[in-house]
Amino acid sequence: MQKFDSQNTEISLYLTLFERQARAAGIEEEEWVSQLISLLPLDLAQIIIKESEEQMREYTNVKKVLLDRFKMRPETFRTKFTQHQRKQGNLWKDLVFELQNYFDGWIEGLNVTDFKGLKALMIADQLKRRVPNEVKDHFLDEWGELIDPLVLAGKLDQYESVRGHRKVNPVRMAERKPLDRARPNSPRKEHPAKNAEK
């Protein structure tokens, strides 16, 4: 297998290929980390080596560290799954592989393990597609983790309820009159340099 090149290969696709080839070669999962480290550039290998010895032995932990390093989180996988296009010259089978990889990364990252969870995720995703951007911005910190459609709908309803009850001042800035404040009578201070010239 070729060494990982972050300029030309996406880490999630590379790890999927690595896992498939390791299984095909009959390499035990306990040996995957040592095999993977030999295929990574020095800067990535150093990130893994900095983990505790226990965590460094577990391939799933190493995979998580690498995905985090490249900011491959469930929301990133969702975006790639829904927006990814076939590259010119690639086969449709390549696109299927890439889409499957992004979909797997999305649902595994959110711990969706059954059909009921998948159904909830799909409905929540459809709700999210219909939400205006200014509302999304309000929930930005938790947007990726909102996978239960009823919880999401409750938050959206609550947000709209609060926004609807907010009293908006109908007077616009241009229509406002400046306040006439009585200014206290105070002698004007003259600049000392001007007094010196006189």
N, C-alpha and C. Protein backbone atom coordinates (compact mmCIF):
# COMPACT_ATOMS: atom_id res chain seq x y z
N MET A 1 0.85 -1.18 0.00
CA MET A 1 0.00 0.00 0.00
C MET A 1 0.89 1.24 0.00
N GLN A 2 0.44 2.28 -0.71
CA GLN A 2 1.20 3.52 -0.78
C GLN A 2 1.15 4.27 0.54
N LYS A 3 2.18 5.10 0.75
CA LYS A 3 2.19 5.96 1.93
C LYS A 3 1.10 7.01 1.77
N PHE A 4 0.59 7.50 2.91
CA PHE A 4 -0.46 8.51 2.90
C PHE A 4 0.10 9.85 2.46
N ASP A 5 -0.60 10.49 1.53
CA ASP A 5 -0.22 11.82 1.03
C ASP A 5 -1.44 12.72 1.20
N SER A 6 -1.38 13.63 2.17
CA SER A 6 -2.53 14.47 2.49
C SER A 6 -2.88 15.44 1.36
N GLN A 7 -1.96 15.68 0.44
CA GLN A 7 -2.24 16.59 -0.67
C GLN A 7 -3.14 15.95 -1.72
N ASN A 8 -3.04 14.63 -1.86
CA ASN A 8 -3.76 13.94 -2.93
C ASN A 8 -4.81 12.95 -2.45
N THR A 9 -4.81 12.62 -1.17
CA THR A 9 -5.71 11.60 -0.65
C THR A 9 -6.42 12.11 0.59
N GLU A 10 -7.68 11.77 0.69
CA GLU A 10 -8.44 12.14 1.88
C GLU A 10 -8.24 11.05 2.94
N ILE A 11 -8.05 11.46 4.19
CA ILE A 11 -7.71 10.52 5.26
C ILE A 11 -8.78 9.45 5.46
N SER A 12 -10.05 9.81 5.38
CA SER A 12 -11.10 8.81 5.62
C SER A 12 -11.09 7.73 4.54
N LEU A 13 -10.88 8.12 3.29
CA LEU A 13 -10.81 7.14 2.21
C LEU A 13 -9.56 6.28 2.35
N TYR A 14 -8.46 6.90 2.74
CA TYR A 14 -7.21 6.17 2.91
C TYR A 14 -7.35 5.11 4.02
N LEU A 15 -7.97 5.49 5.13
CA LEU A 15 -8.14 4.54 6.23
C LEU A 15 -9.05 3.39 5.84
N THR A 16 -10.09 3.68 5.06
CA THR A 16 -10.97 2.61 4.59
C THR A 16 -10.20 1.65 3.69
N LEU A 17 -9.40 2.18 2.78
CA LEU A 17 -8.58 1.32 1.92
C LEU A 17 -7.58 0.51 2.74
N PHE A 18 -6.97 1.17 3.73
CA PHE A 18 -6.01 0.48 4.59
C PHE A 18 -6.69 -0.69 5.30
N GLU A 19 -7.87 -0.46 5.87
CA GLU A 19 -8.59 -1.52 6.59
C GLU A 19 -8.91 -2.69 5.66
N ARG A 20 -9.37 -2.39 4.46
CA ARG A 20 -9.71 -3.46 3.51
C ARG A 20 -8.47 -4.27 3.13
N GLN A 21 -7.37 -3.57 2.87
CA GLN A 21 -6.15 -4.28 2.48
C GLN A 21 -5.57 -5.07 3.64
N ALA A 22 -5.67 -4.54 4.85
CA ALA A 22 -5.17 -5.27 6.01
C ALA A 22 -5.97 -6.55 6.22
N ARG A 23 -7.29 -6.47 6.05
CA ARG A 23 -8.13 -7.67 6.19
C ARG A 23 -7.80 -8.68 5.09
N ALA A 24 -7.65 -8.18 3.86
CA ALA A 24 -7.36 -9.07 2.73
C ALA A 24 -6.01 -9.76 2.90
N ALA A 25 -5.05 -9.07 3.52
CA ALA A 25 -3.72 -9.65 3.73
C ALA A 25 -3.68 -10.53 4.97
N GLY A 26 -4.78 -10.59 5.71
CA GLY A 26 -4.84 -11.43 6.90
C GLY A 26 -4.09 -10.86 8.10
N ILE A 27 -3.89 -9.57 8.12
CA ILE A 27 -3.19 -8.93 9.25
C ILE A 27 -4.17 -8.79 10.41
N GLU A 28 -3.75 -9.24 11.57
CA GLU A 28 -4.59 -9.14 12.77
C GLU A 28 -4.80 -7.67 13.13
N GLU A 29 -5.98 -7.33 13.64
CA GLU A 29 -6.30 -5.94 13.95
C GLU A 29 -5.36 -5.35 15.00
N GLU A 30 -4.81 -6.19 15.86
CA GLU A 30 -3.86 -5.70 16.87
C GLU A 30 -2.58 -5.16 16.22
N GLU A 31 -2.29 -5.59 15.01
CA GLU A 31 -1.09 -5.16 14.29
C GLU A 31 -1.33 -3.96 13.37
N TRP A 32 -2.58 -3.55 13.23
CA TRP A 32 -2.90 -2.49 12.28
C TRP A 32 -2.20 -1.18 12.59
N VAL A 33 -2.12 -0.81 13.87
CA VAL A 33 -1.52 0.48 14.22
C VAL A 33 -0.07 0.53 13.78
N SER A 34 0.69 -0.52 14.07
CA SER A 34 2.11 -0.51 13.68
C SER A 34 2.26 -0.47 12.16
N GLN A 35 1.37 -1.17 11.46
CA GLN A 35 1.41 -1.13 9.99
C GLN A 35 1.04 0.26 9.47
N LEU A 36 0.02 0.86 10.07
CA LEU A 36 -0.43 2.18 9.63
C LEU A 36 0.62 3.26 9.89
N ILE A 37 1.25 3.23 11.06
CA ILE A 37 2.26 4.24 11.39
C ILE A 37 3.38 4.25 10.36
N SER A 38 3.73 3.08 9.85
CA SER A 38 4.81 3.02 8.86
C SER A 38 4.40 3.65 7.53
N LEU A 39 3.10 3.84 7.31
CA LEU A 39 2.62 4.43 6.06
C LEU A 39 2.31 5.92 6.17
N LEU A 40 2.44 6.46 7.38
CA LEU A 40 2.09 7.87 7.61
C LEU A 40 3.32 8.76 7.57
N PRO A 41 3.14 10.02 7.17
CA PRO A 41 4.25 10.98 7.26
C PRO A 41 4.64 11.18 8.73
N LEU A 42 5.84 11.65 8.96
CA LEU A 42 6.38 11.78 10.31
C LEU A 42 5.50 12.64 11.22
N ASP A 43 4.95 13.75 10.70
CA ASP A 43 4.14 14.63 11.55
C ASP A 43 2.88 13.94 12.06
N LEU A 44 2.26 13.09 11.24
CA LEU A 44 1.08 12.35 11.68
C LEU A 44 1.46 11.21 12.63
N ALA A 45 2.56 10.55 12.34
CA ALA A 45 3.02 9.48 13.23
C ALA A 45 3.32 10.04 14.62
N GLN A 46 3.87 11.24 14.67
CA GLN A 46 4.17 11.86 15.97
C GLN A 46 2.89 12.16 16.75
N ILE A 47 1.83 12.54 16.07
CA ILE A 47 0.56 12.78 16.75
C ILE A 47 0.07 11.51 17.42
N ILE A 48 0.19 10.39 16.73
CA ILE A 48 -0.25 9.10 17.29
C ILE A 48 0.64 8.69 18.45
N ILE A 49 1.93 8.87 18.30
CA ILE A 49 2.88 8.45 19.33
C ILE A 49 2.67 9.25 20.62
N LYS A 50 2.14 10.46 20.52
CA LYS A 50 1.89 11.29 21.70
C LYS A 50 0.71 10.79 22.54
N GLU A 51 -0.10 9.91 21.97
CA GLU A 51 -1.21 9.33 22.72
C GLU A 51 -0.67 8.36 23.77
N SER A 52 -1.50 8.07 24.77
CA SER A 52 -1.06 7.11 25.79
C SER A 52 -0.83 5.75 25.13
N GLU A 53 -0.01 4.93 25.78
CA GLU A 53 0.34 3.64 25.20
C GLU A 53 -0.89 2.76 24.99
N GLU A 54 -1.82 2.82 25.93
CA GLU A 54 -3.07 2.05 25.81
C GLU A 54 -3.85 2.47 24.57
N GLN A 55 -4.02 3.78 24.42
CA GLN A 55 -4.81 4.28 23.29
C GLN A 55 -4.08 4.08 21.97
N MET A 56 -2.78 4.10 22.01
CA MET A 56 -2.01 3.94 20.78
C MET A 56 -2.12 2.52 20.23
N ARG A 57 -2.41 1.56 21.08
CA ARG A 57 -2.53 0.17 20.63
C ARG A 57 -3.85 -0.09 19.91
N GLU A 58 -4.88 0.68 20.26
CA GLU A 58 -6.22 0.47 19.71
C GLU A 58 -6.37 1.20 18.37
N TYR A 59 -6.62 0.45 17.33
CA TYR A 59 -6.77 1.06 16.01
C TYR A 59 -7.93 2.06 15.97
N THR A 60 -9.04 1.74 16.63
CA THR A 60 -10.19 2.66 16.61
C THR A 60 -9.83 4.01 17.22
N ASN A 61 -9.01 4.02 18.27
CA ASN A 61 -8.57 5.29 18.87
C ASN A 61 -7.65 6.06 17.92
N VAL A 62 -6.74 5.34 17.29
CA VAL A 62 -5.81 5.97 16.34
C VAL A 62 -6.59 6.56 15.16
N LYS A 63 -7.56 5.82 14.68
CA LYS A 63 -8.40 6.30 13.58
C LYS A 63 -9.13 7.59 13.99
N LYS A 64 -9.67 7.61 15.20
CA LYS A 64 -10.37 8.80 15.69
C LYS A 64 -9.42 9.99 15.78
N VAL A 65 -8.21 9.76 16.28
CA VAL A 65 -7.21 10.84 16.38
C VAL A 65 -6.91 11.41 15.00
N LEU A 66 -6.72 10.54 14.02
CA LEU A 66 -6.41 11.00 12.66
C LEU A 66 -7.59 11.75 12.03
N LEU A 67 -8.80 11.23 12.23
CA LEU A 67 -9.97 11.91 11.69
C LEU A 67 -10.15 13.28 12.34
N ASP A 68 -9.93 13.35 13.65
CA ASP A 68 -10.01 14.64 14.35
C ASP A 68 -8.95 15.61 13.83
N ARG A 69 -7.77 15.10 13.58
CA ARG A 69 -6.66 15.94 13.09
C ARG A 69 -7.03 16.61 11.77
N PHE A 70 -7.77 15.88 10.93
CA PHE A 70 -8.19 16.42 9.64
C PHE A 70 -9.61 16.98 9.68
N LYS A 71 -10.13 17.17 10.90
CA LYS A 71 -11.46 17.76 11.12
C LYS A 71 -12.56 16.99 10.40
N MET A 72 -12.44 15.68 10.39
CA MET A 72 -13.46 14.83 9.77
C MET A 72 -14.43 14.39 10.87
N ARG A 73 -15.43 15.22 11.08
CA ARG A 73 -16.45 14.97 12.11
C ARG A 73 -17.74 14.55 11.42
N PRO A 74 -18.73 14.06 12.17
CA PRO A 74 -19.97 13.61 11.52
C PRO A 74 -20.59 14.65 10.58
N GLU A 75 -20.59 15.91 10.97
CA GLU A 75 -21.18 16.95 10.11
C GLU A 75 -20.38 17.11 8.82
N THR A 76 -19.07 16.93 8.89
CA THR A 76 -18.23 16.99 7.69
C THR A 76 -18.56 15.84 6.76
N PHE A 77 -18.71 14.63 7.34
CA PHE A 77 -19.08 13.47 6.53
C PHE A 77 -20.45 13.67 5.89
N ARG A 78 -21.40 14.24 6.64
CA ARG A 78 -22.74 14.48 6.10
C ARG A 78 -22.66 15.43 4.90
N THR A 79 -21.91 16.49 5.05
CA THR A 79 -21.76 17.45 3.96
C THR A 79 -21.13 16.80 2.74
N LYS A 80 -20.09 16.02 2.96
CA LYS A 80 -19.43 15.34 1.84
C LYS A 80 -20.38 14.33 1.20
N PHE A 81 -21.15 13.62 2.02
CA PHE A 81 -22.10 12.63 1.49
C PHE A 81 -23.15 13.30 0.60
N THR A 82 -23.66 14.44 1.03
CA THR A 82 -24.74 15.08 0.28
C THR A 82 -24.25 15.93 -0.89
N GLN A 83 -23.00 16.36 -0.89
CA GLN A 83 -22.54 17.28 -1.93
C GLN A 83 -21.44 16.72 -2.83
N HIS A 84 -20.94 15.55 -2.53
CA HIS A 84 -19.80 15.01 -3.29
C HIS A 84 -20.20 14.71 -4.73
N GLN A 85 -19.32 15.04 -5.65
CA GLN A 85 -19.56 14.82 -7.08
C GLN A 85 -18.49 13.87 -7.64
N ARG A 86 -18.85 13.19 -8.69
CA ARG A 86 -17.89 12.31 -9.36
C ARG A 86 -16.84 13.16 -10.06
N LYS A 87 -15.59 12.79 -9.85
CA LYS A 87 -14.49 13.51 -10.50
C LYS A 87 -14.43 13.08 -11.96
N GLN A 88 -14.08 14.02 -12.81
CA GLN A 88 -14.00 13.73 -14.23
C GLN A 88 -12.96 12.65 -14.47
N GLY A 89 -13.34 11.64 -15.22
CA GLY A 89 -12.44 10.54 -15.52
C GLY A 89 -12.57 9.36 -14.57
N ASN A 90 -13.21 9.57 -13.41
CA ASN A 90 -13.40 8.47 -12.46
C ASN A 90 -14.60 7.63 -12.86
N LEU A 91 -14.58 6.40 -12.42
CA LEU A 91 -15.70 5.50 -12.67
C LEU A 91 -16.84 5.81 -11.70
N TRP A 92 -18.05 5.41 -12.09
CA TRP A 92 -19.19 5.56 -11.19
C TRP A 92 -18.99 4.70 -9.94
N LYS A 93 -18.28 3.57 -10.10
CA LYS A 93 -17.99 2.72 -8.95
C LYS A 93 -17.14 3.45 -7.92
N ASP A 94 -16.24 4.32 -8.40
CA ASP A 94 -15.43 5.13 -7.48
C ASP A 94 -16.33 6.05 -6.65
N LEU A 95 -17.32 6.63 -7.32
CA LEU A 95 -18.25 7.52 -6.63
C LEU A 95 -19.04 6.74 -5.58
N VAL A 96 -19.48 5.53 -5.93
CA VAL A 96 -20.22 4.70 -4.97
C VAL A 96 -19.36 4.42 -3.74
N PHE A 97 -18.11 4.05 -3.96
CA PHE A 97 -17.20 3.78 -2.84
C PHE A 97 -17.04 5.01 -1.95
N GLU A 98 -16.83 6.18 -2.57
CA GLU A 98 -16.63 7.41 -1.81
C GLU A 98 -17.89 7.78 -1.03
N LEU A 99 -19.06 7.67 -1.68
CA LEU A 99 -20.31 7.99 -0.98
C LEU A 99 -20.57 7.03 0.18
N GLN A 100 -20.30 5.74 -0.03
CA GLN A 100 -20.46 4.78 1.06
C GLN A 100 -19.54 5.13 2.23
N ASN A 101 -18.33 5.51 1.93
CA ASN A 101 -17.37 5.88 2.96
C ASN A 101 -17.87 7.09 3.75
N TYR A 102 -18.35 8.11 3.06
CA TYR A 102 -18.84 9.32 3.74
C TYR A 102 -20.09 9.00 4.57
N PHE A 103 -20.97 8.19 4.01
CA PHE A 103 -22.18 7.81 4.75
C PHE A 103 -21.83 7.03 6.01
N ASP A 104 -20.92 6.06 5.87
CA ASP A 104 -20.49 5.28 7.04
C ASP A 104 -19.86 6.18 8.09
N GLY A 105 -19.01 7.10 7.67
CA GLY A 105 -18.38 8.03 8.62
C GLY A 105 -19.41 8.88 9.34
N TRP A 106 -20.44 9.28 8.61
CA TRP A 106 -21.51 10.10 9.19
C TRP A 106 -22.28 9.34 10.27
N ILE A 107 -22.78 8.15 9.91
CA ILE A 107 -23.63 7.43 10.88
C ILE A 107 -22.81 6.81 12.01
N GLU A 108 -21.58 6.38 11.72
CA GLU A 108 -20.75 5.83 12.79
C GLU A 108 -20.35 6.92 13.78
N GLY A 109 -20.08 8.11 13.27
CA GLY A 109 -19.71 9.22 14.14
C GLY A 109 -20.83 9.64 15.08
N LEU A 110 -22.07 9.40 14.67
CA LEU A 110 -23.23 9.74 15.50
C LEU A 110 -23.78 8.52 16.24
N ASN A 111 -23.08 7.39 16.15
CA ASN A 111 -23.48 6.15 16.82
C ASN A 111 -24.87 5.67 16.42
N VAL A 112 -25.19 5.80 15.14
CA VAL A 112 -26.45 5.27 14.61
C VAL A 112 -26.20 3.81 14.28
N THR A 113 -26.93 2.92 14.96
CA THR A 113 -26.65 1.50 14.81
C THR A 113 -27.82 0.67 14.28
N ASP A 114 -29.01 1.26 14.20
CA ASP A 114 -30.16 0.48 13.75
C ASP A 114 -31.02 1.30 12.79
N PHE A 115 -32.02 0.63 12.23
CA PHE A 115 -32.86 1.30 11.23
C PHE A 115 -33.64 2.46 11.84
N LYS A 116 -34.11 2.29 13.06
CA LYS A 116 -34.87 3.36 13.73
C LYS A 116 -33.99 4.62 13.88
N GLY A 117 -32.75 4.43 14.28
CA GLY A 117 -31.83 5.55 14.41
C GLY A 117 -31.53 6.19 13.07
N LEU A 118 -31.38 5.35 12.04
CA LEU A 118 -31.12 5.86 10.69
C LEU A 118 -32.31 6.67 10.18
N LYS A 119 -33.51 6.15 10.43
CA LYS A 119 -34.73 6.85 10.02
C LYS A 119 -34.81 8.22 10.69
N ALA A 120 -34.55 8.27 11.99
CA ALA A 120 -34.57 9.54 12.72
C ALA A 120 -33.53 10.50 12.15
N LEU A 121 -32.35 9.99 11.85
CA LEU A 121 -31.28 10.82 11.29
C LEU A 121 -31.69 11.41 9.94
N MET A 122 -32.30 10.60 9.08
CA MET A 122 -32.72 11.07 7.76
C MET A 122 -33.80 12.15 7.87
N ILE A 123 -34.75 11.95 8.79
CA ILE A 123 -35.82 12.94 8.97
C ILE A 123 -35.24 14.23 9.54
N ALA A 124 -34.35 14.11 10.52
CA ALA A 124 -33.70 15.30 11.09
C ALA A 124 -32.91 16.04 10.01
N ASP A 125 -32.24 15.30 9.15
CA ASP A 125 -31.47 15.93 8.07
C ASP A 125 -32.39 16.69 7.12
N GLN A 126 -33.54 16.12 6.82
CA GLN A 126 -34.49 16.83 5.96
C GLN A 126 -35.03 18.09 6.63
N LEU A 127 -35.26 18.02 7.93
CA LEU A 127 -35.68 19.23 8.67
C LEU A 127 -34.60 20.30 8.57
N LYS A 128 -33.36 19.90 8.80
CA LYS A 128 -32.25 20.85 8.78
C LYS A 128 -32.11 21.55 7.43
N ARG A 129 -32.43 20.84 6.36
CA ARG A 129 -32.33 21.43 5.03
C ARG A 129 -33.36 22.53 4.81
N ARG A 130 -34.43 22.51 5.61
CA ARG A 130 -35.50 23.47 5.43
C ARG A 130 -35.42 24.66 6.40
N VAL A 131 -34.43 24.65 7.26
CA VAL A 131 -34.29 25.70 8.27
C VAL A 131 -33.51 26.87 7.68
N PRO A 132 -34.01 28.10 7.85
CA PRO A 132 -33.27 29.28 7.35
C PRO A 132 -31.90 29.41 8.03
N ASN A 133 -30.97 30.01 7.32
CA ASN A 133 -29.60 30.13 7.82
C ASN A 133 -29.50 30.90 9.13
N GLU A 134 -30.30 31.95 9.31
CA GLU A 134 -30.21 32.72 10.55
C GLU A 134 -30.65 31.90 11.75
N VAL A 135 -31.54 30.93 11.53
CA VAL A 135 -31.95 30.04 12.63
C VAL A 135 -30.85 29.02 12.88
N LYS A 136 -30.25 28.49 11.82
CA LYS A 136 -29.13 27.55 11.97
C LYS A 136 -28.01 28.17 12.78
N ASP A 137 -27.73 29.43 12.51
CA ASP A 137 -26.65 30.12 13.22
C ASP A 137 -26.88 30.14 14.72
N HIS A 138 -28.14 30.19 15.14
CA HIS A 138 -28.46 30.20 16.57
C HIS A 138 -28.08 28.87 17.24
N PHE A 139 -28.17 27.78 16.48
CA PHE A 139 -27.90 26.45 17.02
C PHE A 139 -26.56 25.89 16.56
N LEU A 140 -25.68 26.75 16.11
CA LEU A 140 -24.43 26.33 15.48
C LEU A 140 -23.61 25.36 16.32
N ASP A 141 -23.51 25.59 17.61
CA ASP A 141 -22.67 24.74 18.47
C ASP A 141 -23.19 23.31 18.58
N GLU A 142 -24.48 23.12 18.46
CA GLU A 142 -25.05 21.78 18.63
C GLU A 142 -25.67 21.22 17.36
N TRP A 143 -25.57 21.93 16.25
CA TRP A 143 -26.26 21.56 15.02
C TRP A 143 -25.94 20.13 14.56
N GLY A 144 -24.69 19.76 14.58
CA GLY A 144 -24.29 18.43 14.12
C GLY A 144 -24.80 17.30 14.99
N GLU A 145 -25.02 17.57 16.28
CA GLU A 145 -25.47 16.52 17.21
C GLU A 145 -26.98 16.41 17.29
N LEU A 146 -27.71 17.32 16.69
CA LEU A 146 -29.18 17.26 16.73
C LEU A 146 -29.65 16.25 15.70
N ILE A 147 -29.77 14.98 16.13
CA ILE A 147 -30.14 13.93 15.18
C ILE A 147 -31.52 13.35 15.46
N ASP A 148 -32.14 13.73 16.57
CA ASP A 148 -33.50 13.29 16.87
C ASP A 148 -34.45 14.35 16.31
N PRO A 149 -35.30 13.97 15.33
CA PRO A 149 -36.14 14.99 14.70
C PRO A 149 -37.11 15.67 15.66
N LEU A 150 -37.60 14.95 16.67
CA LEU A 150 -38.52 15.56 17.63
C LEU A 150 -37.81 16.57 18.52
N VAL A 151 -36.59 16.26 18.93
CA VAL A 151 -35.80 17.20 19.73
C VAL A 151 -35.50 18.44 18.89
N LEU A 152 -35.08 18.22 17.65
CA LEU A 152 -34.78 19.33 16.74
C LEU A 152 -36.02 20.19 16.52
N ALA A 153 -37.16 19.54 16.24
CA ALA A 153 -38.40 20.29 16.01
C ALA A 153 -38.80 21.08 17.25
N GLY A 154 -38.62 20.49 18.42
CA GLY A 154 -38.94 21.20 19.67
C GLY A 154 -38.08 22.45 19.83
N LYS A 155 -36.80 22.33 19.54
CA LYS A 155 -35.90 23.49 19.65
C LYS A 155 -36.27 24.57 18.63
N LEU A 156 -36.61 24.14 17.42
CA LEU A 156 -36.98 25.10 16.38
C LEU A 156 -38.29 25.81 16.74
N ASP A 157 -39.27 25.04 17.25
CA ASP A 157 -40.54 25.64 17.67
C ASP A 157 -40.33 26.63 18.81
N GLN A 158 -39.51 26.24 19.76
CA GLN A 158 -39.23 27.12 20.90
C GLN A 158 -38.54 28.40 20.43
N TYR A 159 -37.60 28.26 19.52
CA TYR A 159 -36.89 29.43 18.99
C TYR A 159 -37.87 30.38 18.30
N GLU A 160 -38.74 29.82 17.45
CA GLU A 160 -39.72 30.65 16.74
C GLU A 160 -40.71 31.29 17.70
N SER A 161 -41.07 30.56 18.74
CA SER A 161 -42.00 31.10 19.75
C SER A 161 -41.39 32.31 20.45
N VAL A 162 -40.13 32.18 20.85
CA VAL A 162 -39.45 33.29 21.52
C VAL A 162 -39.28 34.46 20.56
N ARG A 163 -38.89 34.17 19.34
CA ARG A 163 -38.69 35.24 18.35
C ARG A 163 -40.01 35.92 18.01
N GLY A 164 -41.11 35.17 18.00
CA GLY A 164 -42.41 35.74 17.66
C GLY A 164 -42.96 36.64 18.75
N HIS A 165 -42.62 36.37 20.01
CA HIS A 165 -43.11 37.16 21.13
C HIS A 165 -42.24 38.37 21.43
N ARG A 166 -41.10 38.44 20.79
CA ARG A 166 -40.21 39.57 21.02
C ARG A 166 -40.83 40.84 20.46
N LYS A 167 -40.88 41.87 21.27
CA LYS A 167 -41.47 43.13 20.83
C LYS A 167 -40.43 43.89 20.02
N VAL A 168 -40.81 44.22 18.82
CA VAL A 168 -39.91 44.93 17.94
C VAL A 168 -40.32 46.39 17.94
N ASN A 169 -39.39 47.30 18.16
CA ASN A 169 -39.67 48.73 18.17
C ASN A 169 -39.93 49.19 16.74
N PRO A 170 -41.13 49.69 16.44
CA PRO A 170 -41.45 50.07 15.06
C PRO A 170 -40.78 51.36 14.60
N VAL A 171 -40.22 52.13 15.51
CA VAL A 171 -39.58 53.39 15.12
C VAL A 171 -38.21 53.10 14.55
N ARG A 172 -37.97 53.55 13.37
CA ARG A 172 -36.68 53.33 12.72
C ARG A 172 -35.69 54.40 13.14
N MET A 173 -34.45 54.11 12.95
CA MET A 173 -33.39 55.04 13.33
C MET A 173 -33.54 56.39 12.63
N ALA A 174 -33.90 56.41 11.37
CA ALA A 174 -34.01 57.66 10.63
C ALA A 174 -35.16 58.52 11.15
N GLU A 175 -36.19 57.87 11.71
CA GLU A 175 -37.35 58.60 12.19
C GLU A 175 -37.17 59.13 13.60
N ARG A 176 -36.19 58.67 14.31
CA ARG A 176 -35.98 59.10 15.69
C ARG A 176 -35.48 60.54 15.72
N LYS A 177 -35.95 61.26 16.71
CA LYS A 177 -35.51 62.64 16.90
C LYS A 177 -34.43 62.64 17.96
N PRO A 178 -33.43 63.49 17.79
CA PRO A 178 -32.38 63.54 18.82
C PRO A 178 -32.97 64.09 20.12
N LEU A 179 -32.47 63.60 21.20
CA LEU A 179 -32.93 64.05 22.51
C LEU A 179 -32.34 65.42 22.80
N ASP A 180 -33.21 66.32 23.27
CA ASP A 180 -32.73 67.65 23.66
C ASP A 180 -32.33 67.58 25.12
N ARG A 181 -31.07 67.51 25.33
CA ARG A 181 -30.57 67.45 26.70
C ARG A 181 -30.03 68.82 27.08
N ALA A 182 -30.31 69.19 28.28
CA ALA A 182 -29.77 70.46 28.76
C ALA A 182 -28.31 70.24 29.09
N ARG A 183 -27.47 71.03 28.45
CA ARG A 183 -26.04 70.90 28.69
C ARG A 183 -25.67 71.84 29.82
N PRO A 184 -24.89 71.36 30.74
CA PRO A 184 -24.48 72.24 31.84
C PRO A 184 -23.59 73.35 31.32
N ASN A 185 -23.78 74.53 31.91
CA ASN A 185 -22.95 75.68 31.52
C ASN A 185 -21.57 75.51 32.10
N SER A 186 -20.63 75.38 31.24
CA SER A 186 -19.25 75.27 31.69
C SER A 186 -18.41 76.16 30.79
N PRO A 187 -17.46 76.82 31.39
CA PRO A 187 -16.62 77.70 30.57
C PRO A 187 -15.81 76.88 29.58
N ARG A 188 -15.62 77.45 28.43
CA ARG A 188 -14.82 76.78 27.41
C ARG A 188 -13.37 76.83 27.80
N LYS A 189 -12.77 75.73 27.70
CA LYS A 189 -11.34 75.67 28.01
C LYS A 189 -10.58 75.97 26.74
N GLU A 190 -9.66 76.86 26.88
CA GLU A 190 -8.84 77.19 25.72
C GLU A 190 -7.55 76.40 25.78
N HIS A 191 -7.05 76.14 24.65
CA HIS A 191 -5.81 75.38 24.54
C HIS A 191 -4.66 76.24 25.04
N PRO A 192 -3.78 75.73 25.93
CA PRO A 192 -2.69 76.53 26.49
C PRO A 192 -1.74 77.08 25.44
N ALA A 193 -1.56 76.40 24.34
CA ALA A 193 -0.64 76.87 23.31
C ALA A 193 -1.18 78.13 22.64
N LYS A 194 -2.51 78.23 22.51
CA LYS A 194 -3.10 79.41 21.89
C LYS A 194 -2.93 80.63 22.79
N ASN A 195 -3.04 80.43 24.11
CA ASN A 195 -2.88 81.54 25.06
C ASN A 195 -1.45 82.05 25.05
N ALA A 196 -0.50 81.20 24.82
CA ALA A 196 0.91 81.60 24.85
C ALA A 196 1.26 82.50 23.69
N GLU A 197 0.57 82.32 22.54
CA GLU A 197 0.86 83.12 21.35
C GLU A 197 0.33 84.54 21.49
N LYS A 198 -0.71 84.78 22.31
CA LYS A 198 -1.33 86.09 22.42
C LYS A 198 -0.51 87.06 23.13
